[in-house]
Amino acid sequence: MKKGYVYVMTNKKFGTLYIGVTSDLIKRIWEHKEKNTEGFTKKYNLNRLVYYEIHENIESAIYREKQMKEWNRNWKLRQIIDFNPEWKDLYDDIIG
């Protein structure tokens, strides 16, 4: 079964946040970075992957994404800071 991923994109430290879900994290982040699709991340130039979670299947990732979208901004910021204190772009880490 395919894994699922929840991820957070931003444009700068403490900047605008976008929470998404995918079954192919590398491909999806590349699409955001290349601005291949119209939408929120393209409009606000959200090109830095600062947080992600790996789930056993896409259904649990979708459930988690919905939870995260309901939580307040401070909680989201705390998750990012705990996972990635420097707010570095994690894309290079995931592509190897």
C-alpha atoms as a PDB file:
ATOM      1  CA  MET A   1       0.000   0.000   0.000  1.00  0.00           C
ATOM      2  CA  LYS A   2       1.209   3.510  -0.825  1.00  0.00           C
ATOM      3  CA  LYS A   3       2.316   5.753   1.985  1.00  0.00           C
ATOM      4  CA  GLY A   4       0.774   9.173   2.547  1.00  0.00           C
ATOM      5  CA  TYR A   5       2.450  12.439   3.443  1.00  0.00           C
ATOM      6  CA  VAL A   6       1.277  15.618   5.118  1.00  0.00           C
ATOM      7  CA  TYR A   7       3.512  18.599   4.454  1.00  0.00           C
ATOM      8  CA  VAL A   8       3.829  22.319   5.123  1.00  0.00           C
ATOM      9  CA  MET A   9       5.125  24.844   2.610  1.00  0.00           C
ATOM     10  CA  THR A  10       6.070  28.454   3.324  1.00  0.00           C
ATOM     11  CA  ASN A  11       7.882  31.384   1.733  1.00  0.00           C
ATOM     12  CA  LYS A  12       9.969  32.446   4.750  1.00  0.00           C
ATOM     13  CA  LYS A  13      10.436  31.845   8.468  1.00  0.00           C
ATOM     14  CA  PHE A  14       7.092  32.511  10.197  1.00  0.00           C
ATOM     15  CA  GLY A  15       5.577  33.324   6.803  1.00  0.00           C
ATOM     16  CA  THR A  16       2.395  32.177   5.120  1.00  0.00           C
ATOM     17  CA  LEU A  17       1.721  28.463   5.644  1.00  0.00           C
ATOM     18  CA  TYR A  18       0.165  25.878   3.348  1.00  0.00           C
ATOM     19  CA  ILE A  19      -0.717  22.385   4.552  1.00  0.00           C
ATOM     20  CA  GLY A  20      -1.091  19.702   1.913  1.00  0.00           C
ATOM     21  CA  VAL A  21      -1.340  15.939   1.498  1.00  0.00           C
ATOM     22  CA  THR A  22       0.081  13.647  -1.170  1.00  0.00           C
ATOM     23  CA  SER A  23       1.093  10.085  -1.939  1.00  0.00           C
ATOM     24  CA  ASP A  24       4.292  11.252  -3.706  1.00  0.00           C
ATOM     25  CA  LEU A  25       6.081  13.890  -1.635  1.00  0.00           C
ATOM     26  CA  ILE A  26       9.035  14.472  -3.957  1.00  0.00           C
ATOM     27  CA  LYS A  27       6.858  14.947  -7.027  1.00  0.00           C
ATOM     28  CA  ARG A  28       4.361  17.186  -5.246  1.00  0.00           C
ATOM     29  CA  ILE A  29       6.983  19.495  -3.729  1.00  0.00           C
ATOM     30  CA  TRP A  30       8.715  19.734  -7.115  1.00  0.00           C
ATOM     31  CA  GLU A  31       5.364  20.796  -8.619  1.00  0.00           C
ATOM     32  CA  HIS A  32       5.009  23.535  -5.992  1.00  0.00           C
ATOM     33  CA  LYS A  33       8.576  24.725  -6.557  1.00  0.00           C
ATOM     34  CA  GLU A  34       8.130  24.799 -10.344  1.00  0.00           C
ATOM     35  CA  LYS A  35       4.737  26.532  -9.957  1.00  0.00           C
ATOM     36  CA  ASN A  36       3.172  23.983 -12.309  1.00  0.00           C
ATOM     37  CA  THR A  37      -0.324  24.375 -10.907  1.00  0.00           C
ATOM     38  CA  GLU A  38      -2.414  27.414 -10.189  1.00  0.00           C
ATOM     39  CA  GLY A  39      -3.387  27.916  -6.588  1.00  0.00           C
ATOM     40  CA  PHE A  40      -2.453  29.152  -3.158  1.00  0.00           C
ATOM     41  CA  THR A  41       1.215  28.110  -3.189  1.00  0.00           C
ATOM     42  CA  LYS A  42       1.836  29.747  -6.566  1.00  0.00           C
ATOM     43  CA  LYS A  43      -0.039  32.915  -5.634  1.00  0.00           C
ATOM     44  CA  TYR A  44       1.955  33.401  -2.414  1.00  0.00           C
ATOM     45  CA  ASN A  45       5.264  31.975  -3.713  1.00  0.00           C
ATOM     46  CA  LEU A  46       5.343  29.194  -1.120  1.00  0.00           C
ATOM     47  CA  ASN A  47       8.424  27.299  -2.246  1.00  0.00           C
ATOM     48  CA  ARG A  48      10.035  25.965   0.958  1.00  0.00           C
ATOM     49  CA  LEU A  49       9.181  22.580   2.441  1.00  0.00           C
ATOM     50  CA  VAL A  50       9.562  23.105   6.199  1.00  0.00           C
ATOM     51  CA  TYR A  51       7.628  20.174   7.683  1.00  0.00           C
ATOM     52  CA  TYR A  52       6.352  16.751   6.707  1.00  0.00           C
ATOM     53  CA  GLU A  53       4.948  13.587   8.236  1.00  0.00           C
ATOM     54  CA  ILE A  54       4.928  10.079   6.797  1.00  0.00           C
ATOM     55  CA  HIS A  55       1.779   7.967   7.220  1.00  0.00           C
ATOM     56  CA  GLU A  56       1.180   4.311   6.493  1.00  0.00           C
ATOM     57  CA  ASN A  57      -1.536   5.129   3.958  1.00  0.00           C
ATOM     58  CA  ILE A  58      -3.110   8.093   2.207  1.00  0.00           C
ATOM     59  CA  GLU A  59      -6.306   7.843   4.254  1.00  0.00           C
ATOM     60  CA  SER A  60      -4.487   8.467   7.551  1.00  0.00           C
ATOM     61  CA  ALA A  61      -2.532  11.303   5.929  1.00  0.00           C
ATOM     62  CA  ILE A  62      -5.775  12.946   4.766  1.00  0.00           C
ATOM     63  CA  TYR A  63      -7.220  12.596   8.264  1.00  0.00           C
ATOM     64  CA  ARG A  64      -4.116  14.217   9.771  1.00  0.00           C
ATOM     65  CA  GLU A  65      -4.152  17.045   7.204  1.00  0.00           C
ATOM     66  CA  LYS A  66      -7.730  17.883   8.174  1.00  0.00           C
ATOM     67  CA  GLN A  67      -6.754  17.911  11.859  1.00  0.00           C
ATOM     68  CA  MET A  68      -3.792  20.192  11.255  1.00  0.00           C
ATOM     69  CA  LYS A  69      -5.840  22.645   9.205  1.00  0.00           C
ATOM     70  CA  GLU A  70      -8.231  23.060  12.148  1.00  0.00           C
ATOM     71  CA  TRP A  71      -5.509  23.856  14.692  1.00  0.00           C
ATOM     72  CA  ASN A  72      -4.460  27.423  15.394  1.00  0.00           C
ATOM     73  CA  ARG A  73      -1.415  29.026  13.829  1.00  0.00           C
ATOM     74  CA  ASN A  74       0.660  28.904  17.034  1.00  0.00           C
ATOM     75  CA  TRP A  75       0.272  25.108  17.193  1.00  0.00           C
ATOM     76  CA  LYS A  76       1.352  24.806  13.564  1.00  0.00           C
ATOM     77  CA  LEU A  77       4.362  27.021  14.209  1.00  0.00           C
ATOM     78  CA  ARG A  78       5.332  24.905  17.226  1.00  0.00           C
ATOM     79  CA  GLN A  79       5.182  21.736  15.100  1.00  0.00           C
ATOM     80  CA  ILE A  80       7.491  23.305  12.519  1.00  0.00           C
ATOM     81  CA  ILE A  81       9.928  24.666  15.110  1.00  0.00           C
ATOM     82  CA  ASP A  82      10.132  21.300  16.888  1.00  0.00           C
ATOM     83  CA  PHE A  83      10.695  19.446  13.600  1.00  0.00           C
ATOM     84  CA  ASN A  84      12.834  22.010  11.779  1.00  0.00           C
ATOM     85  CA  PRO A  85      14.109  24.749  14.139  1.00  0.00           C
ATOM     86  CA  GLU A  86      16.077  26.497  11.379  1.00  0.00           C
ATOM     87  CA  TRP A  87      13.124  26.527   8.971  1.00  0.00           C
ATOM     88  CA  LYS A  88      15.430  25.190   6.271  1.00  0.00           C
ATOM     89  CA  ASP A  89      14.008  23.914   3.005  1.00  0.00           C
ATOM     90  CA  LEU A  90      13.832  20.144   3.474  1.00  0.00           C
ATOM     91  CA  TYR A  91      13.399  19.334  -0.208  1.00  0.00           C
ATOM     92  CA  ASP A  92      17.086  18.605  -0.771  1.00  0.00           C
ATOM     93  CA  ASP A  93      17.013  16.235   2.215  1.00  0.00           C
ATOM     94  CA  ILE A  94      14.143  14.190   0.795  1.00  0.00           C
ATOM     95  CA  ILE A  95      15.537  13.920  -2.722  1.00  0.00           C
ATOM     96  CA  GLY A  96      18.670  12.397  -1.369  1.00  0.00           C
END
